[in-house]
C-alpha atoms as a PDB file:
ATOM      1  CA  MET A   1      24.943   9.645  -6.399  1.00  0.00           C
ATOM      2  CA  SER A   2      26.561   6.667  -4.671  1.00  0.00           C
ATOM      3  CA  THR A   3      25.532   5.515  -1.209  1.00  0.00           C
ATOM      4  CA  ILE A   4      28.506   3.128  -1.006  1.00  0.00           C
ATOM      5  CA  THR A   5      31.944   3.308  -2.619  1.00  0.00           C
ATOM      6  CA  ILE A   6      34.156   0.210  -2.602  1.00  0.00           C
ATOM      7  CA  GLU A   7      37.762   0.190  -3.778  1.00  0.00           C
ATOM      8  CA  ALA A   8      39.848  -2.996  -4.176  1.00  0.00           C
ATOM      9  CA  LEU A   9      38.175  -4.533  -1.130  1.00  0.00           C
ATOM     10  CA  THR A  10      39.653  -7.907  -0.180  1.00  0.00           C
ATOM     11  CA  LYS A  11      38.863 -10.313   2.644  1.00  0.00           C
ATOM     12  CA  ARG A  12      40.944 -13.451   3.094  1.00  0.00           C
ATOM     13  CA  TYR A  13      40.511 -16.195   5.625  1.00  0.00           C
ATOM     14  CA  SER A  14      42.989 -19.004   6.213  1.00  0.00           C
ATOM     15  CA  ARG A  15      41.794 -21.101   3.276  1.00  0.00           C
ATOM     16  CA  VAL A  16      39.224 -18.913   1.553  1.00  0.00           C
ATOM     17  CA  THR A  17      39.199 -15.549  -0.206  1.00  0.00           C
ATOM     18  CA  ALA A  18      35.714 -14.170   0.415  1.00  0.00           C
ATOM     19  CA  LEU A  19      36.260 -10.876  -1.430  1.00  0.00           C
ATOM     20  CA  ASP A  20      38.883 -10.423  -4.125  1.00  0.00           C
ATOM     21  CA  GLN A  21      39.815  -6.858  -5.163  1.00  0.00           C
ATOM     22  CA  LEU A  22      36.161  -5.817  -5.315  1.00  0.00           C
ATOM     23  CA  THR A  23      35.666  -2.322  -6.721  1.00  0.00           C
ATOM     24  CA  VAL A  24      32.146  -0.995  -7.272  1.00  0.00           C
ATOM     25  CA  ASP A  25      29.842   1.938  -6.496  1.00  0.00           C
ATOM     26  CA  VAL A  26      26.366   1.313  -5.085  1.00  0.00           C
ATOM     27  CA  PRO A  27      23.860   3.946  -6.282  1.00  0.00           C
ATOM     28  CA  GLU A  28      20.838   5.339  -4.483  1.00  0.00           C
ATOM     29  CA  GLY A  29      17.546   3.465  -4.785  1.00  0.00           C
ATOM     30  CA  VAL A  30      17.085  -0.286  -4.517  1.00  0.00           C
ATOM     31  CA  CYS A  31      20.290  -2.108  -5.422  1.00  0.00           C
ATOM     32  CA  GLY A  32      20.424  -5.882  -5.642  1.00  0.00           C
ATOM     33  CA  LEU A  33      23.598  -7.764  -4.745  1.00  0.00           C
ATOM     34  CA  VAL A  34      23.367 -11.179  -6.372  1.00  0.00           C
ATOM     35  CA  GLY A  35      25.611 -14.206  -6.273  1.00  0.00           C
ATOM     36  CA  ALA A  36      25.559 -17.876  -5.410  1.00  0.00           C
ATOM     37  CA  ASN A  37      25.766 -18.930  -1.772  1.00  0.00           C
ATOM     38  CA  GLY A  38      29.355 -18.341  -0.695  1.00  0.00           C
ATOM     39  CA  ALA A  39      29.939 -15.578  -3.248  1.00  0.00           C
ATOM     40  CA  GLY A  40      30.861 -13.054  -0.531  1.00  0.00           C
ATOM     41  CA  LYS A  41      27.594 -11.159  -0.084  1.00  0.00           C
ATOM     42  CA  SER A  42      27.217 -11.482   3.697  1.00  0.00           C
ATOM     43  CA  THR A  43      30.932 -10.874   4.214  1.00  0.00           C
ATOM     44  CA  LEU A  44      30.666  -7.623   2.294  1.00  0.00           C
ATOM     45  CA  ILE A  45      27.748  -6.385   4.405  1.00  0.00           C
ATOM     46  CA  LYS A  46      29.582  -7.144   7.662  1.00  0.00           C
ATOM     47  CA  ILE A  47      32.621  -5.224   6.425  1.00  0.00           C
ATOM     48  CA  LEU A  48      30.486  -2.257   5.361  1.00  0.00           C
ATOM     49  CA  LEU A  49      28.891  -2.186   8.812  1.00  0.00           C
ATOM     50  CA  GLY A  50      32.302  -2.141  10.456  1.00  0.00           C
ATOM     51  CA  LEU A  51      31.703  -5.550  12.045  1.00  0.00           C
ATOM     52  CA  SER A  52      34.552  -7.224  10.148  1.00  0.00           C
ATOM     53  CA  THR A  53      37.917  -5.840   9.066  1.00  0.00           C
ATOM     54  CA  PRO A  54      38.985  -6.212   5.425  1.00  0.00           C
ATOM     55  CA  THR A  55      42.360  -7.675   4.561  1.00  0.00           C
ATOM     56  CA  ALA A  56      42.965  -4.895   2.041  1.00  0.00           C
ATOM     57  CA  GLY A  57      41.167  -2.105   0.246  1.00  0.00           C
ATOM     58  CA  ARG A  58      38.799   0.568   1.475  1.00  0.00           C
ATOM     59  CA  ALA A  59      35.138   1.523   1.408  1.00  0.00           C
ATOM     60  CA  SER A  60      32.822   4.298   2.501  1.00  0.00           C
ATOM     61  CA  VAL A  61      29.123   4.216   3.396  1.00  0.00           C
ATOM     62  CA  LEU A  62      27.087   7.423   3.120  1.00  0.00           C
ATOM     63  CA  GLY A  63      30.384   9.291   2.937  1.00  0.00           C
ATOM     64  CA  TYR A  64      31.856   7.699   6.084  1.00  0.00           C
ATOM     65  CA  ASP A  65      34.993   5.584   5.920  1.00  0.00           C
ATOM     66  CA  ILE A  66      34.340   2.090   7.278  1.00  0.00           C
ATOM     67  CA  ALA A  67      37.743   1.896   8.971  1.00  0.00           C
ATOM     68  CA  SER A  68      37.265   4.932  11.204  1.00  0.00           C
ATOM     69  CA  HIS A  69      33.534   5.691  11.371  1.00  0.00           C
ATOM     70  CA  GLY A  70      31.799   2.403  12.164  1.00  0.00           C
ATOM     71  CA  PRO A  71      29.530   3.862  14.902  1.00  0.00           C
ATOM     72  CA  GLU A  72      28.393   6.721  12.653  1.00  0.00           C
ATOM     73  CA  ILE A  73      27.605   4.278   9.846  1.00  0.00           C
ATOM     74  CA  ARG A  74      25.613   1.969  12.114  1.00  0.00           C
ATOM     75  CA  GLN A  75      23.615   4.945  13.386  1.00  0.00           C
ATOM     76  CA  LEU A  76      22.507   5.806   9.835  1.00  0.00           C
ATOM     77  CA  VAL A  77      22.072   2.272   8.479  1.00  0.00           C
ATOM     78  CA  GLY A  78      19.501  -0.437   9.206  1.00  0.00           C
ATOM     79  CA  TYR A  79      20.488  -4.106   9.026  1.00  0.00           C
ATOM     80  CA  MET A  80      18.276  -7.148   8.513  1.00  0.00           C
ATOM     81  CA  PRO A  81      20.413 -10.275   9.083  1.00  0.00           C
ATOM     82  CA  GLU A  82      19.887 -13.482   7.163  1.00  0.00           C
ATOM     83  CA  HIS A  83      19.591 -15.888  10.084  1.00  0.00           C
ATOM     84  CA  ASP A  84      16.935 -16.127  12.782  1.00  0.00           C
ATOM     85  CA  CYS A  85      18.098 -14.016  15.729  1.00  0.00           C
ATOM     86  CA  LEU A  86      14.858 -13.038  17.476  1.00  0.00           C
ATOM     87  CA  PRO A  87      14.270 -13.702  21.193  1.00  0.00           C
ATOM     88  CA  PRO A  88      11.286 -16.082  21.361  1.00  0.00           C
ATOM     89  CA  ASP A  89       9.907 -14.944  24.718  1.00  0.00           C
ATOM     90  CA  VAL A  90       9.147 -11.298  23.877  1.00  0.00           C
ATOM     91  CA  SER A  91       6.620  -9.692  21.564  1.00  0.00           C
ATOM     92  CA  ALA A  92       7.387  -7.920  18.311  1.00  0.00           C
ATOM     93  CA  ALA A  93       6.283  -4.617  19.846  1.00  0.00           C
ATOM     94  CA  GLU A  94       8.672  -5.028  22.785  1.00  0.00           C
ATOM     95  CA  PHE A  95      11.579  -6.069  20.599  1.00  0.00           C
ATOM     96  CA  VAL A  96      11.210  -3.392  17.928  1.00  0.00           C
ATOM     97  CA  MET A  97      10.733  -0.674  20.548  1.00  0.00           C
ATOM     98  CA  HIS A  98      13.851  -1.911  22.357  1.00  0.00           C
ATOM     99  CA  MET A  99      15.806  -1.657  19.105  1.00  0.00           C
ATOM    100  CA  ALA A 100      14.456   1.850  18.559  1.00  0.00           C
ATOM    101  CA  ARG A 101      15.607   2.901  22.035  1.00  0.00           C
ATOM    102  CA  ILE A 102      19.053   1.388  21.425  1.00  0.00           C
ATOM    103  CA  SER A 103      19.248   3.493  18.254  1.00  0.00           C
ATOM    104  CA  GLY A 104      18.811   6.625  20.379  1.00  0.00           C
ATOM    105  CA  LEU A 105      15.107   7.427  20.057  1.00  0.00           C
ATOM    106  CA  PRO A 106      13.399   8.720  23.233  1.00  0.00           C
ATOM    107  CA  THR A 107      10.618   6.594  24.672  1.00  0.00           C
ATOM    108  CA  GLY A 108       7.691   8.489  23.145  1.00  0.00           C
ATOM    109  CA  ALA A 109       9.240   8.642  19.687  1.00  0.00           C
ATOM    110  CA  ALA A 110      10.310   4.997  19.917  1.00  0.00           C
ATOM    111  CA  ARG A 111       6.771   3.902  20.768  1.00  0.00           C
ATOM    112  CA  GLU A 112       5.299   5.908  17.875  1.00  0.00           C
ATOM    113  CA  ARG A 113       7.909   4.702  15.390  1.00  0.00           C
ATOM    114  CA  THR A 114       7.396   1.092  16.519  1.00  0.00           C
ATOM    115  CA  ALA A 115       3.664   1.261  15.867  1.00  0.00           C
ATOM    116  CA  ASP A 116       4.141   2.912  12.471  1.00  0.00           C
ATOM    117  CA  THR A 117       6.805   0.433  11.374  1.00  0.00           C
ATOM    118  CA  LEU A 118       4.920  -2.672  12.486  1.00  0.00           C
ATOM    119  CA  ARG A 119       1.869  -1.348  10.660  1.00  0.00           C
ATOM    120  CA  HIS A 120       3.960  -0.872   7.530  1.00  0.00           C
ATOM    121  CA  VAL A 121       5.241  -4.475   7.574  1.00  0.00           C
ATOM    122  CA  GLY A 122       1.783  -5.900   8.293  1.00  0.00           C
ATOM    123  CA  LEU A 123       2.218  -7.005  11.902  1.00  0.00           C
ATOM    124  CA  MET A 124      -0.029  -4.540  13.728  1.00  0.00           C
ATOM    125  CA  GLU A 125      -2.593  -7.149  14.808  1.00  0.00           C
ATOM    126  CA  GLU A 126       0.068  -9.630  15.933  1.00  0.00           C
ATOM    127  CA  ARG A 127       2.433  -7.167  17.603  1.00  0.00           C
ATOM    128  CA  TYR A 128       1.781  -8.309  21.177  1.00  0.00           C
ATOM    129  CA  ARG A 129       2.237 -12.033  20.562  1.00  0.00           C
ATOM    130  CA  ARG A 130       5.475 -13.688  21.642  1.00  0.00           C
ATOM    131  CA  MET A 131       7.725 -14.148  18.648  1.00  0.00           C
ATOM    132  CA  GLY A 132       8.421 -17.787  19.493  1.00  0.00           C
ATOM    133  CA  GLY A 133       4.994 -18.578  18.018  1.00  0.00           C
ATOM    134  CA  TYR A 134       5.536 -16.604  14.830  1.00  0.00           C
ATOM    135  CA  SER A 135       5.756 -18.163  11.379  1.00  0.00           C
ATOM    136  CA  THR A 136       8.890 -17.707   9.278  1.00  0.00           C
ATOM    137  CA  GLY A 137       7.206 -14.947   7.304  1.00  0.00           C
ATOM    138  CA  MET A 138       6.235 -13.053  10.454  1.00  0.00           C
ATOM    139  CA  LYS A 139       9.759 -13.334  11.822  1.00  0.00           C
ATOM    140  CA  GLN A 140      11.167 -11.930   8.600  1.00  0.00           C
ATOM    141  CA  ARG A 141       8.781  -8.989   8.906  1.00  0.00           C
ATOM    142  CA  VAL A 142       9.946  -8.313  12.476  1.00  0.00           C
ATOM    143  CA  LYS A 143      13.562  -8.330  11.303  1.00  0.00           C
ATOM    144  CA  LEU A 144      12.642  -5.870   8.586  1.00  0.00           C
ATOM    145  CA  ALA A 145      10.783  -3.660  11.075  1.00  0.00           C
ATOM    146  CA  GLN A 146      13.732  -3.419  13.467  1.00  0.00           C
ATOM    147  CA  ALA A 147      15.967  -2.433  10.541  1.00  0.00           C
ATOM    148  CA  LEU A 148      13.608   0.438   9.674  1.00  0.00           C
ATOM    149  CA  VAL A 149      12.393   1.666  13.043  1.00  0.00           C
ATOM    150  CA  HIS A 150      15.084   4.323  13.571  1.00  0.00           C
ATOM    151  CA  ASP A 151      14.427   5.875  10.126  1.00  0.00           C
ATOM    152  CA  PRO A 152      17.796   5.056   8.527  1.00  0.00           C
ATOM    153  CA  LYS A 153      19.172   6.556   5.325  1.00  0.00           C
ATOM    154  CA  LEU A 154      20.140   3.114   4.012  1.00  0.00           C
ATOM    155  CA  VAL A 155      19.192  -0.477   4.870  1.00  0.00           C
ATOM    156  CA  PHE A 156      21.101  -3.699   4.288  1.00  0.00           C
ATOM    157  CA  LEU A 157      18.757  -6.656   3.765  1.00  0.00           C
ATOM    158  CA  ASP A 158      20.580  -9.985   3.770  1.00  0.00           C
ATOM    159  CA  GLU A 159      18.494 -12.671   1.994  1.00  0.00           C
ATOM    160  CA  PRO A 160      15.160 -11.207   3.210  1.00  0.00           C
ATOM    161  CA  THR A 161      13.038 -13.836   1.426  1.00  0.00           C
ATOM    162  CA  ASN A 162      14.949 -16.744   2.924  1.00  0.00           C
ATOM    163  CA  GLY A 163      12.581 -19.573   3.911  1.00  0.00           C
ATOM    164  CA  LEU A 164       9.430 -17.888   2.592  1.00  0.00           C
ATOM    165  CA  ASP A 165       6.786 -19.540   0.438  1.00  0.00           C
ATOM    166  CA  PRO A 166       5.917 -17.935  -2.923  1.00  0.00           C
ATOM    167  CA  VAL A 167       3.156 -15.757  -1.472  1.00  0.00           C
ATOM    168  CA  GLY A 168       5.329 -14.586   1.415  1.00  0.00           C
ATOM    169  CA  ARG A 169       8.180 -13.915  -0.988  1.00  0.00           C
ATOM    170  CA  ASP A 170       5.991 -11.713  -3.188  1.00  0.00           C
ATOM    171  CA  GLU A 171       4.749  -9.774  -0.166  1.00  0.00           C
ATOM    172  CA  MET A 172       8.286  -9.234   1.111  1.00  0.00           C
ATOM    173  CA  LEU A 173       9.447  -8.011  -2.297  1.00  0.00           C
ATOM    174  CA  ASP A 174       6.575  -5.516  -2.373  1.00  0.00           C
ATOM    175  CA  LEU A 175       7.587  -4.264   1.075  1.00  0.00           C
ATOM    176  CA  ILE A 176      11.195  -3.842  -0.036  1.00  0.00           C
ATOM    177  CA  ARG A 177      10.170  -1.854  -3.064  1.00  0.00           C
ATOM    178  CA  ARG A 178       7.998   0.446  -0.930  1.00  0.00           C
ATOM    179  CA  ILE A 179      10.888   1.175   1.442  1.00  0.00           C
ATOM    180  CA  HIS A 180      12.388   3.356  -1.251  1.00  0.00           C
ATOM    181  CA  THR A 181       9.318   4.564  -3.144  1.00  0.00           C
ATOM    182  CA  LYS A 182       7.345   5.539  -0.024  1.00  0.00           C
ATOM    183  CA  PHE A 183      10.026   6.469   2.513  1.00  0.00           C
ATOM    184  CA  GLY A 184      12.986   7.431   0.315  1.00  0.00           C
ATOM    185  CA  ILE A 185      15.324   4.964   2.027  1.00  0.00           C
ATOM    186  CA  SER A 186      17.990   3.383  -0.159  1.00  0.00           C
ATOM    187  CA  VAL A 187      18.252  -0.397  -0.046  1.00  0.00           C
ATOM    188  CA  LEU A 188      21.071  -2.884  -0.617  1.00  0.00           C
ATOM    189  CA  VAL A 189      19.405  -6.300  -0.794  1.00  0.00           C
ATOM    190  CA  THR A 190      21.261  -9.585  -1.245  1.00  0.00           C
ATOM    191  CA  SER A 191      19.840 -12.700  -2.843  1.00  0.00           C
ATOM    192  CA  HIS A 192      20.872 -15.809  -4.755  1.00  0.00           C
ATOM    193  CA  LEU A 193      17.468 -15.742  -6.476  1.00  0.00           C
ATOM    194  CA  LEU A 194      18.078 -13.813  -9.661  1.00  0.00           C
ATOM    195  CA  GLY A 195      14.428 -13.342 -10.569  1.00  0.00           C
ATOM    196  CA  GLU A 196      13.720 -11.548  -7.290  1.00  0.00           C
ATOM    197  CA  LEU A 197      16.295  -8.849  -7.883  1.00  0.00           C
ATOM    198  CA  GLU A 198      15.239  -8.469 -11.504  1.00  0.00           C
ATOM    199  CA  ARG A 199      11.725  -7.408 -10.459  1.00  0.00           C
ATOM    200  CA  THR A 200      12.678  -5.431  -7.343  1.00  0.00           C
ATOM    201  CA  SER A 201      15.924  -3.559  -7.971  1.00  0.00           C
ATOM    202  CA  ASP A 202      16.822  -0.410  -9.892  1.00  0.00           C
ATOM    203  CA  HIS A 203      20.432  -1.552 -10.125  1.00  0.00           C
ATOM    204  CA  VAL A 204      22.063  -4.974  -9.883  1.00  0.00           C
ATOM    205  CA  ILE A 205      25.591  -5.915  -8.816  1.00  0.00           C
ATOM    206  CA  ILE A 206      26.600  -9.478  -9.679  1.00  0.00           C
ATOM    207  CA  ILE A 207      29.538 -11.082  -7.861  1.00  0.00           C
ATOM    208  CA  ASP A 208      31.037 -14.547  -7.939  1.00  0.00           C
ATOM    209  CA  GLY A 209      33.865 -15.851  -5.786  1.00  0.00           C
ATOM    210  CA  GLY A 210      34.199 -12.380  -4.291  1.00  0.00           C
ATOM    211  CA  ARG A 211      34.844 -10.798  -7.691  1.00  0.00           C
ATOM    212  CA  LEU A 212      32.698  -8.339  -9.616  1.00  0.00           C
ATOM    213  CA  LEU A 213      31.021  -9.710 -12.742  1.00  0.00           C
ATOM    214  CA  LYS A 214      28.582  -6.914 -13.598  1.00  0.00           C
ATOM    215  CA  SER A 215      27.262  -3.674 -12.156  1.00  0.00           C
ATOM    216  CA  ARG A 216      24.478  -2.227 -14.274  1.00  0.00           C
ATOM    217  CA  SER A 217      21.017  -0.744 -14.045  1.00  0.00           C
ATOM    218  CA  THR A 218      18.292  -3.374 -14.211  1.00  0.00           C
ATOM    219  CA  GLY A 219      17.028  -1.745 -17.397  1.00  0.00           C
ATOM    220  CA  GLU A 220      20.389  -2.245 -19.094  1.00  0.00           C
ATOM    221  CA  LEU A 221      20.705  -5.850 -17.948  1.00  0.00           C
ATOM    222  CA  THR A 222      17.190  -6.722 -19.070  1.00  0.00           C
ATOM    223  CA  SER A 223      17.145  -4.690 -22.273  1.00  0.00           C
ATOM    224  CA  GLN A 224      15.232  -5.879 -25.295  1.00  0.00           C
ATOM    225  CA  THR A 225      16.835  -8.402 -27.613  1.00  0.00           C
ATOM    226  CA  HIS A 226      16.574  -8.779 -31.380  1.00  0.00           C
ATOM    227  CA  THR A 227      14.338 -11.817 -30.909  1.00  0.00           C
ATOM    228  CA  LEU A 228      10.547 -11.807 -31.125  1.00  0.00           C
ATOM    229  CA  ILE A 229       8.317 -13.994 -28.952  1.00  0.00           C
ATOM    230  CA  LEU A 230       5.320 -15.392 -30.819  1.00  0.00           C
ATOM    231  CA  GLU A 231       2.270 -17.257 -29.555  1.00  0.00           C
ATOM    232  CA  VAL A 232      -0.681 -18.241 -31.755  1.00  0.00           C
ATOM    233  CA  LEU A 233      -4.067 -19.929 -31.555  1.00  0.00           C
ATOM    234  CA  ASP A 234      -6.423 -21.624 -33.976  1.00  0.00           C
ATOM    235  CA  PRO A 235      -9.804 -19.820 -34.043  1.00  0.00           C
ATOM    236  CA  ALA A 236     -11.366 -23.134 -35.001  1.00  0.00           C
ATOM    237  CA  GLY A 237     -10.018 -24.768 -31.852  1.00  0.00           C
ATOM    238  CA  GLY A 238      -7.329 -26.925 -33.432  1.00  0.00           C
ATOM    239  CA  ALA A 239      -4.582 -28.194 -31.135  1.00  0.00           C
ATOM    240  CA  ASP A 240      -1.751 -27.952 -33.680  1.00  0.00           C
ATOM    241  CA  ALA A 241      -1.634 -24.158 -34.046  1.00  0.00           C
ATOM    242  CA  ALA A 242       2.025 -23.824 -32.997  1.00  0.00           C
ATOM    243  CA  ASP A 243       3.100 -26.625 -35.378  1.00  0.00           C
ATOM    244  CA  ARG A 244       1.273 -25.010 -38.303  1.00  0.00           C
ATOM    245  CA  ALA A 245       2.670 -21.581 -37.488  1.00  0.00           C
ATOM    246  CA  GLN A 246       6.191 -22.914 -37.272  1.00  0.00           C
ATOM    247  CA  ALA A 247       5.898 -24.680 -40.611  1.00  0.00           C
ATOM    248  CA  SER A 248       4.479 -21.568 -42.285  1.00  0.00           C
ATOM    249  CA  LEU A 249       7.134 -19.270 -40.833  1.00  0.00           C
ATOM    250  CA  GLU A 250       9.950 -21.574 -41.852  1.00  0.00           C
ATOM    251  CA  ALA A 251       8.480 -21.851 -45.361  1.00  0.00           C
ATOM    252  CA  SER A 252       8.603 -18.045 -45.498  1.00  0.00           C
ATOM    253  CA  GLY A 253      12.311 -18.094 -44.701  1.00  0.00           C
ATOM    254  CA  LEU A 254      12.046 -17.139 -41.035  1.00  0.00           C
ATOM    255  CA  GLY A 255      14.056 -19.033 -38.435  1.00  0.00           C
ATOM    256  CA  VAL A 256      12.010 -20.415 -35.563  1.00  0.00           C
ATOM    257  CA  ARG A 257      13.046 -21.809 -32.180  1.00  0.00           C
ATOM    258  CA  ARG A 258      10.319 -23.576 -30.190  1.00  0.00           C
ATOM    259  CA  ALA A 259       9.792 -23.735 -26.437  1.00  0.00           C
ATOM    260  CA  GLY A 260       6.475 -25.489 -25.967  1.00  0.00           C
ATOM    261  CA  GLU A 261       3.755 -23.288 -27.437  1.00  0.00           C
ATOM    262  CA  LEU A 262       6.058 -20.269 -27.656  1.00  0.00           C
ATOM    263  CA  MET A 263       8.144 -19.516 -30.755  1.00  0.00           C
ATOM    264  CA  TYR A 264      11.232 -17.319 -30.918  1.00  0.00           C
ATOM    265  CA  VAL A 265      11.966 -15.615 -34.243  1.00  0.00           C
ATOM    266  CA  PRO A 266      15.096 -13.513 -34.980  1.00  0.00           C
ATOM    267  CA  ALA A 267      14.112  -9.984 -36.028  1.00  0.00           C
ATOM    268  CA  THR A 268      16.420  -8.526 -38.656  1.00  0.00           C
ATOM    269  CA  ASP A 269      14.434  -5.264 -38.776  1.00  0.00           C
ATOM    270  CA  GLU A 270      10.928  -3.899 -38.158  1.00  0.00           C
ATOM    271  CA  SER A 271       9.621  -5.613 -41.314  1.00  0.00           C
ATOM    272  CA  THR A 272       9.890  -8.951 -39.474  1.00  0.00           C
ATOM    273  CA  PHE A 273       6.794  -7.978 -37.470  1.00  0.00           C
ATOM    274  CA  ASP A 274       4.822  -7.549 -40.699  1.00  0.00           C
ATOM    275  CA  SER A 275       6.133 -10.817 -42.150  1.00  0.00           C
ATOM    276  CA  ILE A 276       5.096 -12.769 -39.072  1.00  0.00           C
ATOM    277  CA  ARG A 277       1.673 -11.134 -38.954  1.00  0.00           C
ATOM    278  CA  ASP A 278       0.970 -11.819 -42.615  1.00  0.00           C
ATOM    279  CA  THR A 279       2.280 -15.411 -42.481  1.00  0.00           C
ATOM    280  CA  VAL A 280       0.226 -16.280 -39.411  1.00  0.00           C
ATOM    281  CA  ALA A 281      -2.925 -14.730 -40.908  1.00  0.00           C
ATOM    282  CA  HIS A 282      -2.394 -16.590 -44.194  1.00  0.00           C
ATOM    283  CA  ALA A 283      -2.209 -19.835 -42.226  1.00  0.00           C
ATOM    284  CA  GLY A 284      -5.630 -19.095 -40.734  1.00  0.00           C
ATOM    285  CA  LEU A 285      -4.282 -18.551 -37.237  1.00  0.00           C
ATOM    286  CA  GLY A 286      -4.642 -15.763 -34.709  1.00  0.00           C
ATOM    287  CA  LEU A 287      -1.923 -13.918 -32.800  1.00  0.00           C
ATOM    288  CA  VAL A 288      -1.994 -14.188 -29.016  1.00  0.00           C
ATOM    289  CA  ARG A 289       1.374 -12.533 -28.475  1.00  0.00           C
ATOM    290  CA  LEU A 290       4.024 -10.857 -30.607  1.00  0.00           C
ATOM    291  CA  GLN A 291       6.643  -8.912 -28.684  1.00  0.00           C
ATOM    292  CA  ARG A 292      10.357  -8.456 -28.274  1.00  0.00           C
ATOM    293  CA  ASP A 293      12.098 -10.800 -25.885  1.00  0.00           C
ATOM    294  CA  ARG A 294      14.143  -9.372 -23.016  1.00  0.00           C
ATOM    295  CA  HIS A 295      17.417 -10.439 -21.479  1.00  0.00           C
ATOM    296  CA  HIS A 296      17.308 -11.976 -18.016  1.00  0.00           C
ATOM    297  CA  ILE A 297      19.869 -11.500 -15.274  1.00  0.00           C
ATOM    298  CA  ALA A 298      20.376 -15.264 -15.171  1.00  0.00           C
ATOM    299  CA  GLU A 299      21.728 -15.130 -18.720  1.00  0.00           C
ATOM    300  CA  ILE A 300      24.225 -12.415 -17.820  1.00  0.00           C
ATOM    301  CA  PHE A 301      25.411 -14.407 -14.813  1.00  0.00           C
ATOM    302  CA  ALA A 302      25.815 -17.571 -16.884  1.00  0.00           C
ATOM    303  CA  GLU A 303      27.801 -15.752 -19.575  1.00  0.00           C
ATOM    304  CA  ASN A 304      30.358 -14.540 -17.040  1.00  0.00           C
ATOM    305  CA  THR A 305      30.638 -17.564 -14.755  1.00  0.00           C
ATOM    306  CA  PRO A 306      33.009 -20.486 -15.250  1.00  0.00           C
ATOM    307  CA  GLU A 307      31.232 -23.622 -16.390  1.00  0.00           C
ATOM    308  CA  GLY A 308      29.419 -25.344 -13.563  1.00  0.00           C
ATOM    309  CA  SER A 309      29.489 -22.625 -10.919  1.00  0.00           C
ATOM    310  CA  GLN A 310      26.166 -21.144 -12.004  1.00  0.00           C
ATOM    311  CA  ASP A 311      24.460 -24.400 -11.072  1.00  0.00           C
ATOM    312  CA  HIS A 312      24.164 -23.079  -7.519  1.00  0.00           C
ATOM    313  CA  VAL A 313      22.159 -20.059  -8.580  1.00  0.00           C
ATOM    314  CA  VAL A 314      18.384 -20.348  -8.505  1.00  0.00           C
ATOM    315  CA  THR A 315      16.790 -18.278 -11.223  1.00  0.00           C
ATOM    316  CA  GLY A 316      13.499 -17.836  -9.367  1.00  0.00           C
END
């Protein structure tokens, strides 16, 4: 079932086309919207929220048409903006409760939901501190909390890991995943970091220049290839194990591509596994790893992007 349906959606500014005849369905679950900076991701979210009017085309969110039911959509959807927009002189508890009240929750329910949501995002102990003294990671968690506090059916998260260090990024990705698995809320999350969406999303939509490149389940996009990854070691402690393995495999008629200590061998059929195993054993080496390689979203993006434009995409 689709949470969002988009048909030929176009948004033109005086000198820029942000969205160009975009047609795609967004399924339930965690859906990643990936593209380089300037690809049209934030523009699309603003249009879906009814905050910006498209030049052409139509879309619906949770069954509501964006052109005529903006208030109904915003009542059912949570939104975490990309940029810092938090008032520095109030606490997280005050701010999130205020947002809950604005969403229509009575005072008692708003207070309870605020406590539960701040606990979920890991800010319970810091909830009474003024947000002006918060770190970037804490501010991102507050923005996530206010998007969730009214118990929406769907949340839009615009670059939620922006500005976070690797640890903070991992923690935020875990939180995003739990939004759906624990609370049943569907998520549309944007990012220019391909690796993030690969590990977080059930489905990935790839856009570039406002146009659709791919819309597939993450499993399809990262399906197994016909290439085997091989890593070996020398039980005697020799440092040339990969060199010896490569030479032996090539002498056996197997093609080998090296990337440091890893070797990539084309697999014509299942017998390739046996050939590699026997060749490595005959060379007196041990197997550390022998498995099928998988596609990465970065490869799909590169295949469908004009030369040079993928340079702006960080693969994470």
